[in-house]
Amino acid sequence: MPVKSKPIFRKVISPFYNTETACIVIIFLMLIILLFGITGIAVALETPRYSDYIWVPVIIVCLSFVVFAFELIRFIRHYINRN
């Protein structure tokens, strides 16, 4: 006598940070922070007494660009897999 098992089909629950809306919001916020860091670099280069602290906006730009790039890749993969 064969065993009758009922298949369970459930929708996969994705985390909130992997949704399209969250990706778009994070990409937008990282662009704003990237522009803020670029502005900080410009100000630090113009003002001689702030030239020693140029590393702060450089780190901000680098980190926001890394997050922006990873989030853009995640968004593109999600968009390609959806279609």
C-alpha atoms as a PDB file:
ATOM      1  CA  MET A   1       0.000   0.000   0.000  1.00  0.00           C
ATOM      2  CA  PRO A   2       1.647   3.307  -1.102  1.00  0.00           C
ATOM      3  CA  VAL A   3       2.059   6.137   1.353  1.00  0.00           C
ATOM      4  CA  LYS A   4      -0.059   9.111   0.387  1.00  0.00           C
ATOM      5  CA  SER A   5       1.653  12.296   1.359  1.00  0.00           C
ATOM      6  CA  LYS A   6       0.020  15.607   0.831  1.00  0.00           C
ATOM      7  CA  PRO A   7       2.325  18.058  -0.894  1.00  0.00           C
ATOM      8  CA  ILE A   8       2.512  21.410   0.763  1.00  0.00           C
ATOM      9  CA  PHE A   9       2.930  24.329  -1.579  1.00  0.00           C
ATOM     10  CA  ARG A  10       3.761  27.523   0.191  1.00  0.00           C
ATOM     11  CA  LYS A  11       4.809  30.874  -1.055  1.00  0.00           C
ATOM     12  CA  VAL A  12       8.415  31.726  -0.257  1.00  0.00           C
ATOM     13  CA  ILE A  13       8.656  34.560   2.244  1.00  0.00           C
ATOM     14  CA  SER A  14      11.433  36.932   1.302  1.00  0.00           C
ATOM     15  CA  PRO A  15      13.014  39.255   3.855  1.00  0.00           C
ATOM     16  CA  PHE A  16      11.913  42.879   3.870  1.00  0.00           C
ATOM     17  CA  TYR A  17      15.306  44.138   2.692  1.00  0.00           C
ATOM     18  CA  ASN A  18      15.066  42.032  -0.460  1.00  0.00           C
ATOM     19  CA  THR A  19      11.895  43.688  -1.767  1.00  0.00           C
ATOM     20  CA  GLU A  20      11.893  46.078  -4.699  1.00  0.00           C
ATOM     21  CA  THR A  21      10.691  48.991  -2.588  1.00  0.00           C
ATOM     22  CA  ALA A  22      13.448  48.547  -0.021  1.00  0.00           C
ATOM     23  CA  CYS A  23      16.071  48.260  -2.779  1.00  0.00           C
ATOM     24  CA  ILE A  24      14.895  51.474  -4.428  1.00  0.00           C
ATOM     25  CA  VAL A  25      14.840  53.343  -1.102  1.00  0.00           C
ATOM     26  CA  ILE A  26      18.352  52.154  -0.186  1.00  0.00           C
ATOM     27  CA  ILE A  27      19.695  53.046  -3.649  1.00  0.00           C
ATOM     28  CA  PHE A  28      18.176  56.528  -3.381  1.00  0.00           C
ATOM     29  CA  LEU A  29      19.562  57.086   0.132  1.00  0.00           C
ATOM     30  CA  MET A  30      23.029  55.915  -0.905  1.00  0.00           C
ATOM     31  CA  LEU A  31      22.999  58.367  -3.820  1.00  0.00           C
ATOM     32  CA  ILE A  32      22.187  61.205  -1.412  1.00  0.00           C
ATOM     33  CA  ILE A  33      24.979  60.121   0.964  1.00  0.00           C
ATOM     34  CA  LEU A  34      27.360  59.776  -1.996  1.00  0.00           C
ATOM     35  CA  LEU A  35      26.618  63.356  -3.067  1.00  0.00           C
ATOM     36  CA  PHE A  36      27.045  64.506   0.539  1.00  0.00           C
ATOM     37  CA  GLY A  37      30.485  62.878   0.668  1.00  0.00           C
ATOM     38  CA  ILE A  38      31.536  64.388  -2.658  1.00  0.00           C
ATOM     39  CA  THR A  39      30.497  67.800  -1.361  1.00  0.00           C
ATOM     40  CA  GLY A  40      32.553  67.158   1.782  1.00  0.00           C
ATOM     41  CA  ILE A  41      35.601  66.320  -0.320  1.00  0.00           C
ATOM     42  CA  ALA A  42      35.167  69.544  -2.309  1.00  0.00           C
ATOM     43  CA  VAL A  43      34.907  71.615   0.886  1.00  0.00           C
ATOM     44  CA  ALA A  44      37.911  69.877   2.455  1.00  0.00           C
ATOM     45  CA  LEU A  45      40.002  70.588  -0.638  1.00  0.00           C
ATOM     46  CA  GLU A  46      38.985  74.269  -0.701  1.00  0.00           C
ATOM     47  CA  THR A  47      39.639  74.998   2.973  1.00  0.00           C
ATOM     48  CA  PRO A  48      43.273  74.471   4.001  1.00  0.00           C
ATOM     49  CA  ARG A  49      42.542  73.859   7.685  1.00  0.00           C
ATOM     50  CA  TYR A  50      40.194  70.977   6.798  1.00  0.00           C
ATOM     51  CA  SER A  51      42.634  69.276   4.432  1.00  0.00           C
ATOM     52  CA  ASP A  52      43.841  66.956   7.221  1.00  0.00           C
ATOM     53  CA  TYR A  53      40.304  65.610   7.627  1.00  0.00           C
ATOM     54  CA  ILE A  54      39.643  64.717   4.004  1.00  0.00           C
ATOM     55  CA  TRP A  55      39.709  61.035   4.964  1.00  0.00           C
ATOM     56  CA  VAL A  56      36.245  61.322   6.562  1.00  0.00           C
ATOM     57  CA  PRO A  57      34.320  62.228   3.383  1.00  0.00           C
ATOM     58  CA  VAL A  58      36.480  59.806   1.372  1.00  0.00           C
ATOM     59  CA  ILE A  59      35.418  56.949   3.652  1.00  0.00           C
ATOM     60  CA  ILE A  60      31.790  58.092   3.405  1.00  0.00           C
ATOM     61  CA  VAL A  61      31.982  58.109  -0.389  1.00  0.00           C
ATOM     62  CA  CYS A  62      33.674  54.714  -0.569  1.00  0.00           C
ATOM     63  CA  LEU A  63      31.286  52.982   1.814  1.00  0.00           C
ATOM     64  CA  SER A  64      28.155  54.494   0.278  1.00  0.00           C
ATOM     65  CA  PHE A  65      29.363  53.509  -3.189  1.00  0.00           C
ATOM     66  CA  VAL A  66      29.952  49.918  -2.063  1.00  0.00           C
ATOM     67  CA  VAL A  67      26.459  49.682  -0.556  1.00  0.00           C
ATOM     68  CA  PHE A  68      24.986  51.355  -3.653  1.00  0.00           C
ATOM     69  CA  ALA A  69      26.739  48.906  -5.988  1.00  0.00           C
ATOM     70  CA  PHE A  70      25.723  45.797  -4.038  1.00  0.00           C
ATOM     71  CA  GLU A  71      22.139  46.990  -3.730  1.00  0.00           C
ATOM     72  CA  LEU A  72      21.968  47.806  -7.443  1.00  0.00           C
ATOM     73  CA  ILE A  73      23.271  44.327  -8.285  1.00  0.00           C
ATOM     74  CA  ARG A  74      20.690  42.780  -5.937  1.00  0.00           C
ATOM     75  CA  PHE A  75      17.921  44.864  -7.532  1.00  0.00           C
ATOM     76  CA  ILE A  76      18.964  43.886 -11.065  1.00  0.00           C
ATOM     77  CA  ARG A  77      19.141  40.177 -10.152  1.00  0.00           C
ATOM     78  CA  HIS A  78      15.731  40.375  -8.509  1.00  0.00           C
ATOM     79  CA  TYR A  79      14.276  42.126 -11.543  1.00  0.00           C
ATOM     80  CA  ILE A  80      15.791  39.584 -13.985  1.00  0.00           C
ATOM     81  CA  ASN A  81      14.625  36.572 -11.939  1.00  0.00           C
ATOM     82  CA  ARG A  82      11.121  38.012 -11.688  1.00  0.00           C
ATOM     83  CA  ASN A  83      10.581  38.063 -15.443  1.00  0.00           C
END
